[in-house]
N, C-alpha and C. Protein backbone atom coordinates (compact mmCIF):
# COMPACT_ATOMS: atom_id res chain seq x y z
N UNK A 1 0.96 -1.02 -0.13
CA UNK A 1 0.33 0.03 -0.28
C UNK A 1 1.18 1.08 -0.33
N UNK A 2 1.73 1.78 1.19
CA UNK A 2 2.41 2.09 0.55
C UNK A 2 3.63 2.82 0.14
N UNK A 3 4.07 1.57 -0.47
CA UNK A 3 4.36 1.75 -1.98
C UNK A 3 3.96 1.86 -3.31
N UNK A 4 2.91 1.90 -3.44
CA UNK A 4 1.36 2.34 -4.20
C UNK A 4 1.28 3.50 -4.57
N UNK A 5 0.98 4.50 -2.65
CA UNK A 5 0.76 5.84 -3.05
C UNK A 5 2.32 6.54 -3.34
N UNK A 6 3.70 6.28 -3.40
CA UNK A 6 4.30 6.90 -3.39
C UNK A 6 5.42 5.85 -5.03
N UNK A 7 4.34 5.19 -5.63
CA UNK A 7 4.19 5.49 -6.97
C UNK A 7 3.42 6.39 -8.12
N UNK A 8 2.24 6.31 -7.08
CA UNK A 8 1.39 7.25 -7.53
C UNK A 8 1.94 8.36 -7.36
N UNK A 9 2.48 9.32 -6.36
CA UNK A 9 3.25 10.10 -6.44
C UNK A 9 4.28 11.05 -8.18
N UNK A 10 5.08 9.59 -7.92
CA UNK A 10 6.21 9.63 -8.52
C UNK A 10 5.16 9.72 -9.85
N UNK A 11 4.31 9.18 -10.46
CA UNK A 11 3.82 9.44 -11.70
C UNK A 11 2.76 11.03 -11.71
N UNK A 12 2.41 11.37 -10.38
CA UNK A 12 1.56 12.57 -10.49
C UNK A 12 2.30 13.64 -10.61
N UNK A 13 4.07 14.04 -9.82
CA UNK A 13 4.43 15.46 -9.47
C UNK A 13 5.50 15.78 -11.65
N UNK A 14 5.66 14.69 -11.66
CA UNK A 14 6.13 15.08 -13.06
C UNK A 14 4.47 15.60 -13.78
N UNK A 15 4.01 14.57 -14.53
CA UNK A 15 2.22 15.50 -15.01
C UNK A 15 2.09 16.68 -14.88
N UNK A 16 1.80 16.81 -13.13
CA UNK A 16 1.13 18.49 -13.06
C UNK A 16 2.25 19.30 -13.08
N UNK A 17 3.34 19.01 -13.23
CA UNK A 17 4.73 19.75 -13.76
C UNK A 17 4.74 20.31 -15.08
N UNK A 18 3.75 19.25 -16.27
CA UNK A 18 3.95 19.66 -17.27
C UNK A 18 2.62 20.69 -17.83
N UNK A 19 1.28 20.61 -16.45
CA UNK A 19 1.06 21.89 -17.06
C UNK A 19 1.08 22.65 -16.23
N UNK A 20 2.32 23.44 -15.61
CA UNK A 20 2.71 24.52 -15.48
C UNK A 20 3.46 24.97 -16.05
N UNK A 21 4.51 24.04 -16.88
CA UNK A 21 5.32 24.74 -17.84
C UNK A 21 6.90 24.22 -18.10
N UNK A 22 6.31 22.77 -16.77
CA UNK A 22 7.81 22.12 -16.61
C UNK A 22 8.02 21.13 -16.85
N UNK A 23 7.40 20.81 -17.70
CA UNK A 23 7.16 19.38 -18.24
C UNK A 23 8.73 18.58 -17.51
N UNK A 24 9.24 19.82 -18.41
CA UNK A 24 10.13 18.61 -19.18
C UNK A 24 11.32 18.78 -18.10
N UNK A 25 11.81 19.37 -17.15
CA UNK A 25 12.83 19.71 -15.99
C UNK A 25 12.01 18.45 -15.34
N UNK A 26 10.81 18.01 -15.30
CA UNK A 26 10.04 17.35 -13.93
C UNK A 26 10.38 16.56 -15.00
N UNK A 27 9.93 15.44 -15.98
CA UNK A 27 9.79 14.60 -15.90
C UNK A 27 10.94 13.79 -16.83
N UNK A 28 12.26 14.75 -17.37
CA UNK A 28 13.48 14.25 -16.85
C UNK A 28 14.00 13.92 -15.39
N UNK A 29 13.80 14.78 -14.67
CA UNK A 29 13.98 14.60 -12.97
C UNK A 29 13.47 13.68 -12.71
N UNK A 30 12.88 13.01 -13.03
CA UNK A 30 11.89 11.88 -12.17
C UNK A 30 12.57 10.60 -13.61
N UNK A 31 12.21 10.75 -14.12
CA UNK A 31 13.20 9.35 -15.26
C UNK A 31 13.97 9.34 -14.30
N UNK A 32 15.08 9.80 -13.96
CA UNK A 32 16.38 10.30 -14.18
C UNK A 32 16.78 9.68 -12.46
N UNK A 33 15.50 10.07 -11.53
CA UNK A 33 15.83 9.05 -10.42
C UNK A 33 15.50 8.31 -9.87
N UNK A 34 14.37 8.48 -10.95
CA UNK A 34 14.06 6.70 -11.29
C UNK A 34 14.82 5.88 -11.31
N UNK A 35 15.76 6.39 -12.32
CA UNK A 35 17.02 4.96 -12.35
C UNK A 35 17.82 4.71 -11.61
N UNK A 36 18.21 5.90 -10.74
CA UNK A 36 18.98 6.10 -9.89
C UNK A 36 17.88 5.29 -8.11
N UNK A 37 17.11 5.90 -7.87
CA UNK A 37 16.28 5.57 -6.27
C UNK A 37 15.11 5.14 -6.60
N UNK A 38 14.75 3.94 -7.94
CA UNK A 38 13.56 3.91 -7.86
C UNK A 38 12.18 4.85 -7.60
N UNK A 39 11.62 3.76 -7.17
CA UNK A 39 9.85 5.28 -6.33
C UNK A 39 9.93 6.71 -6.29
N UNK A 40 10.78 6.18 -5.33
CA UNK A 40 11.47 6.93 -4.41
C UNK A 40 11.99 8.11 -4.72
N UNK A 41 12.66 7.98 -5.68
CA UNK A 41 13.98 8.81 -6.68
C UNK A 41 13.71 9.70 -7.51
N UNK A 42 11.70 8.54 -8.42
CA UNK A 42 11.30 9.37 -9.19
C UNK A 42 10.75 11.01 -8.57
N UNK A 43 10.37 11.29 -7.54
CA UNK A 43 9.64 11.75 -6.90
C UNK A 43 10.77 13.05 -6.78
N UNK A 44 12.05 12.90 -6.23
CA UNK A 44 12.80 13.49 -5.93
C UNK A 44 13.50 14.08 -7.25
N UNK A 45 13.63 13.50 -8.30
CA UNK A 45 14.16 14.17 -8.77
C UNK A 45 12.95 14.81 -9.69
N UNK A 46 11.91 14.62 -9.75
CA UNK A 46 10.69 14.96 -10.45
C UNK A 46 10.40 16.67 -10.16
N UNK A 47 10.41 16.75 -8.46
CA UNK A 47 10.90 17.81 -8.10
C UNK A 47 11.71 18.66 -8.14
N UNK A 48 13.02 17.99 -8.19
CA UNK A 48 14.06 18.74 -8.68
C UNK A 48 14.19 19.39 -9.95
N UNK A 49 13.53 18.32 -10.90
CA UNK A 49 13.89 18.61 -12.26
C UNK A 49 12.66 19.66 -12.32
N UNK A 50 11.88 20.22 -11.94
CA UNK A 50 10.67 20.99 -12.20
C UNK A 50 11.21 22.25 -11.87
N UNK A 51 11.44 22.46 -10.45
CA UNK A 51 12.11 23.44 -10.10
C UNK A 51 13.77 24.03 -11.17
N UNK A 52 13.75 22.78 -11.82
CA UNK A 52 15.27 23.48 -12.23
C UNK A 52 14.94 23.75 -13.75
N UNK A 53 13.81 23.05 -14.40
CA UNK A 53 13.25 23.09 -16.09
C UNK A 53 12.53 24.27 -16.05
N UNK A 54 12.16 24.46 -14.82
CA UNK A 54 11.26 26.29 -15.28
C UNK A 54 11.84 27.12 -14.93
N UNK A 55 14.06 27.33 -14.63
CA UNK A 55 14.76 28.04 -14.43
C UNK A 55 14.71 28.27 -15.75
N UNK A 56 15.31 28.13 -16.94
CA UNK A 56 14.88 28.60 -18.39
C UNK A 56 14.38 28.59 -19.21
N UNK A 57 14.03 29.83 -19.57
CA UNK A 57 12.74 30.15 -20.69
C UNK A 57 13.18 29.50 -22.19
N UNK A 58 12.25 28.70 -22.44
CA UNK A 58 12.89 27.87 -23.92
C UNK A 58 13.11 28.76 -25.02
N UNK A 59 13.31 30.23 -24.68
CA UNK A 59 14.48 30.76 -25.71
C UNK A 59 15.75 31.20 -24.88
N UNK A 60 15.79 30.69 -23.34
CA UNK A 60 17.33 31.12 -23.08
C UNK A 60 18.11 29.73 -22.96
N UNK A 61 17.28 28.38 -23.17
CA UNK A 61 17.14 27.20 -23.10
C UNK A 61 18.31 26.97 -24.87
N UNK A 62 17.10 27.75 -25.82
CA UNK A 62 17.76 27.17 -27.46
C UNK A 62 19.58 28.14 -27.56
N UNK A 63 19.36 29.27 -26.70
CA UNK A 63 20.75 30.25 -26.71
C UNK A 63 21.72 29.97 -26.39
N UNK A 64 21.10 29.16 -25.31
CA UNK A 64 22.60 28.31 -24.33
C UNK A 64 23.32 27.16 -25.15
N UNK A 65 21.96 26.68 -25.86
CA UNK A 65 22.12 25.31 -26.18
C UNK A 65 22.97 25.61 -27.93
N UNK A 66 23.04 26.59 -28.38
CA UNK A 66 23.40 26.66 -29.48
C UNK A 66 25.55 27.25 -29.45
N UNK A 67 25.55 28.32 -28.15
CA UNK A 67 25.84 28.59 -27.58
C UNK A 67 27.50 27.39 -27.26
N UNK A 68 26.39 26.61 -26.47
CA UNK A 68 27.13 25.50 -25.30
C UNK A 68 27.62 25.13 -27.16
N UNK A 69 27.06 23.50 -27.06
CA UNK A 69 27.49 23.18 -28.00
C UNK A 69 28.26 23.39 -29.02
N UNK A 70 28.51 24.67 -29.75
CA UNK A 70 29.34 24.85 -30.88
C UNK A 70 31.03 25.50 -30.08
N UNK A 71 30.99 25.27 -28.42
CA UNK A 71 32.59 25.43 -27.76
C UNK A 71 33.18 23.77 -28.36
N UNK A 72 34.19 24.03 -28.36
CA UNK A 72 35.08 22.78 -28.41
C UNK A 72 35.72 22.65 -26.65
N UNK A 73 35.70 22.32 -26.14
CA UNK A 73 36.31 21.92 -24.82
C UNK A 73 36.51 20.52 -24.77
N UNK A 74 37.78 19.54 -24.19
CA UNK A 74 37.57 18.33 -23.72
C UNK A 74 37.05 17.66 -22.41
N UNK A 75 36.16 15.98 -22.77
CA UNK A 75 35.32 16.02 -21.96
C UNK A 75 35.44 15.51 -20.26
N UNK A 76 35.29 16.24 -19.44
CA UNK A 76 36.17 14.83 -17.30
C UNK A 76 35.24 13.87 -17.55
N UNK A 77 36.01 12.47 -17.06
CA UNK A 77 35.01 10.97 -16.72
C UNK A 77 34.28 11.52 -15.74
N UNK A 78 33.99 11.62 -14.96
CA UNK A 78 33.32 11.01 -13.48
C UNK A 78 33.02 9.47 -13.85
N UNK A 79 32.72 8.48 -11.96
CA UNK A 79 31.76 7.36 -12.28
C UNK A 79 31.04 7.48 -12.25
N UNK A 80 30.36 8.08 -10.96
CA UNK A 80 28.30 8.79 -11.54
C UNK A 80 28.08 9.03 -12.81
N UNK A 81 26.51 8.10 -12.53
CA UNK A 81 25.29 8.68 -13.44
C UNK A 81 25.58 10.67 -13.73
N UNK A 82 26.05 11.32 -14.21
CA UNK A 82 25.58 12.75 -13.66
C UNK A 82 24.13 13.00 -14.07
N UNK A 83 23.04 13.73 -13.51
CA UNK A 83 22.19 13.83 -13.46
C UNK A 83 21.64 15.16 -12.62
N UNK A 84 20.27 16.12 -13.96
CA UNK A 84 20.12 17.22 -12.39
C UNK A 84 20.39 16.64 -11.17
N UNK A 85 21.13 18.34 -10.34
CA UNK A 85 21.29 17.98 -9.02
C UNK A 85 22.82 17.54 -8.44
N UNK A 86 23.23 16.28 -9.25
CA UNK A 86 24.46 15.72 -9.31
C UNK A 86 25.29 17.30 -8.77
N UNK A 87 26.27 16.94 -8.07
CA UNK A 87 27.23 18.16 -7.41
C UNK A 87 28.56 17.42 -8.45
N UNK A 88 29.16 18.69 -9.24
CA UNK A 88 30.02 17.59 -9.87
C UNK A 88 31.80 17.64 -9.28
N UNK A 89 32.93 17.12 -9.03
CA UNK A 89 34.23 17.01 -8.48
C UNK A 89 34.44 18.48 -8.69
N UNK A 90 35.80 18.42 -8.19
CA UNK A 90 36.21 20.30 -7.93
C UNK A 90 36.91 19.87 -9.41
N UNK A 91 37.28 18.22 -9.46
CA UNK A 91 38.53 18.13 -10.88
C UNK A 91 37.53 18.72 -12.71
N UNK A 92 36.45 19.03 -12.36
CA UNK A 92 36.04 19.26 -13.31
C UNK A 92 35.54 20.19 -13.84
N UNK A 93 36.10 21.21 -15.28
CA UNK A 93 36.39 22.39 -14.71
C UNK A 93 34.99 23.66 -15.07
N UNK A 94 34.93 24.68 -15.22
CA UNK A 94 33.62 25.22 -15.55
C UNK A 94 33.84 25.90 -16.22
N UNK A 95 33.33 26.37 -17.22
CA UNK A 95 32.91 27.55 -18.08
C UNK A 95 32.38 28.23 -18.09
N UNK A 96 32.41 30.29 -17.84
CA UNK A 96 31.69 30.47 -18.11
C UNK A 96 30.81 30.77 -19.59
N UNK A 97 29.69 30.92 -19.06
CA UNK A 97 28.50 31.28 -20.11
C UNK A 97 28.62 33.01 -20.40
N UNK A 98 28.89 33.03 -21.49
CA UNK A 98 29.29 35.24 -21.74
C UNK A 98 27.59 35.32 -21.64
N UNK A 99 28.41 36.96 -21.01
CA UNK A 99 26.78 38.13 -21.18
C UNK A 99 25.85 37.93 -22.54
N UNK A 100 26.88 37.38 -23.34
CA UNK A 100 26.08 38.18 -24.94
C UNK A 100 25.02 36.58 -25.26
N UNK A 101 25.11 35.80 -24.26
CA UNK A 101 24.26 34.04 -24.60
C UNK A 101 22.35 35.18 -24.13
N UNK A 102 22.32 35.61 -23.71
CA UNK A 102 21.35 36.17 -22.86
C UNK A 102 21.09 35.07 -21.64
N UNK A 103 21.12 34.70 -20.69
CA UNK A 103 20.56 34.23 -19.61
C UNK A 103 20.36 34.73 -18.46
N UNK A 104 19.56 35.03 -17.34
CA UNK A 104 19.09 35.70 -16.39
C UNK A 104 19.49 34.72 -15.26
N UNK A 105 20.42 33.78 -15.10
CA UNK A 105 20.68 33.30 -14.10
C UNK A 105 22.39 33.35 -14.65
N UNK A 106 23.63 34.04 -13.84
CA UNK A 106 25.00 33.36 -14.14
C UNK A 106 25.76 31.51 -14.27
N UNK A 107 25.46 31.21 -15.04
CA UNK A 107 25.36 29.59 -15.14
C UNK A 107 26.77 29.34 -15.53
N UNK A 108 27.25 28.12 -15.30
CA UNK A 108 28.82 28.31 -16.15
C UNK A 108 28.12 26.38 -16.68
N UNK A 109 29.04 26.54 -17.86
CA UNK A 109 28.58 24.53 -18.54
C UNK A 109 29.56 23.86 -18.52
N UNK A 110 29.99 22.59 -18.41
CA UNK A 110 31.22 21.77 -18.02
C UNK A 110 30.40 20.61 -18.93
N UNK A 111 32.16 19.69 -19.92
CA UNK A 111 31.58 19.23 -20.54
C UNK A 111 31.46 17.38 -19.67
N UNK A 112 31.01 16.31 -19.40
CA UNK A 112 31.38 15.41 -18.66
C UNK A 112 30.68 14.58 -18.81
N UNK A 113 32.16 12.82 -18.96
CA UNK A 113 30.89 11.80 -20.20
C UNK A 113 30.19 12.44 -20.87
N UNK A 114 31.08 12.84 -22.16
CA UNK A 114 30.93 13.60 -23.29
C UNK A 114 28.96 13.99 -22.81
N UNK A 115 29.22 15.02 -22.25
CA UNK A 115 27.37 15.60 -22.12
C UNK A 115 28.04 16.86 -21.90
N UNK A 116 27.11 17.73 -22.07
CA UNK A 116 27.34 18.88 -22.13
C UNK A 116 26.28 19.42 -20.50
N UNK A 117 26.51 20.02 -19.73
CA UNK A 117 25.74 20.11 -18.55
C UNK A 117 26.02 21.95 -18.33
N UNK A 118 24.99 22.39 -17.85
CA UNK A 118 24.28 23.94 -17.59
C UNK A 118 24.78 23.31 -15.36
N UNK A 119 25.28 24.40 -14.97
CA UNK A 119 25.98 23.79 -13.29
C UNK A 119 26.13 25.36 -12.71
N UNK A 120 25.19 25.49 -11.91
CA UNK A 120 24.98 26.97 -10.37
C UNK A 120 26.12 26.02 -10.08
N UNK A 121 27.11 27.51 -10.49
CA UNK A 121 28.95 27.93 -10.23
C UNK A 121 28.96 27.45 -8.75
N UNK A 122 28.41 27.84 -8.27
CA UNK A 122 28.71 28.00 -6.37
C UNK A 122 28.23 26.95 -5.77
N UNK A 123 27.44 25.88 -6.15
CA UNK A 123 27.47 24.55 -5.34
C UNK A 123 27.74 23.57 -6.79
N UNK A 124 28.28 24.02 -7.22
CA UNK A 124 28.52 22.83 -8.66
C UNK A 124 27.55 22.07 -8.81
N UNK A 125 26.16 21.96 -8.70
CA UNK A 125 25.23 21.16 -9.44
C UNK A 125 25.04 20.94 -9.97
N UNK A 126 24.81 20.03 -11.29
CA UNK A 126 24.08 20.46 -12.15
C UNK A 126 22.47 20.94 -12.82
N UNK A 127 22.67 21.53 -13.07
CA UNK A 127 21.03 22.09 -13.13
C UNK A 127 20.19 21.69 -15.03
N UNK A 128 20.40 21.23 -15.81
CA UNK A 128 20.37 21.74 -17.22
C UNK A 128 21.53 20.86 -17.45
N UNK A 129 21.20 19.55 -18.88
CA UNK A 129 21.54 18.47 -19.30
C UNK A 129 21.30 19.83 -20.56
N UNK A 130 21.89 19.71 -21.54
CA UNK A 130 22.62 19.39 -22.38
C UNK A 130 22.20 18.53 -23.54
N UNK A 131 20.89 18.90 -24.40
CA UNK A 131 21.07 17.74 -25.10
C UNK A 131 20.68 18.58 -26.44
């Protein structure tokens, strides 16, 4: 019974996030969370993804993706799966996103496990996976 309630919550949170415009972050966070931590991970990932997914407007997402993909930096290999909320180790170099890209928040980006990620520089936490 308790596991069923957690599973229902895990499914409901990402869908609720879709209605608010944070669907990509919520759904992506829930999928990543489920892969790492099962139903409870899906709940946590969905909530985190919804909060982060709403942090970039669609226009900002396009601009940052265009800029970051055009840059050529070496990828750093980390042992863990890199998901939204994952704090990057200190050996991962963070690169600035120039003001000309037009982000409302001063994020940095990194290339980790051959994926480009947007990072909150103070906490080093991944806030967006650029695809």
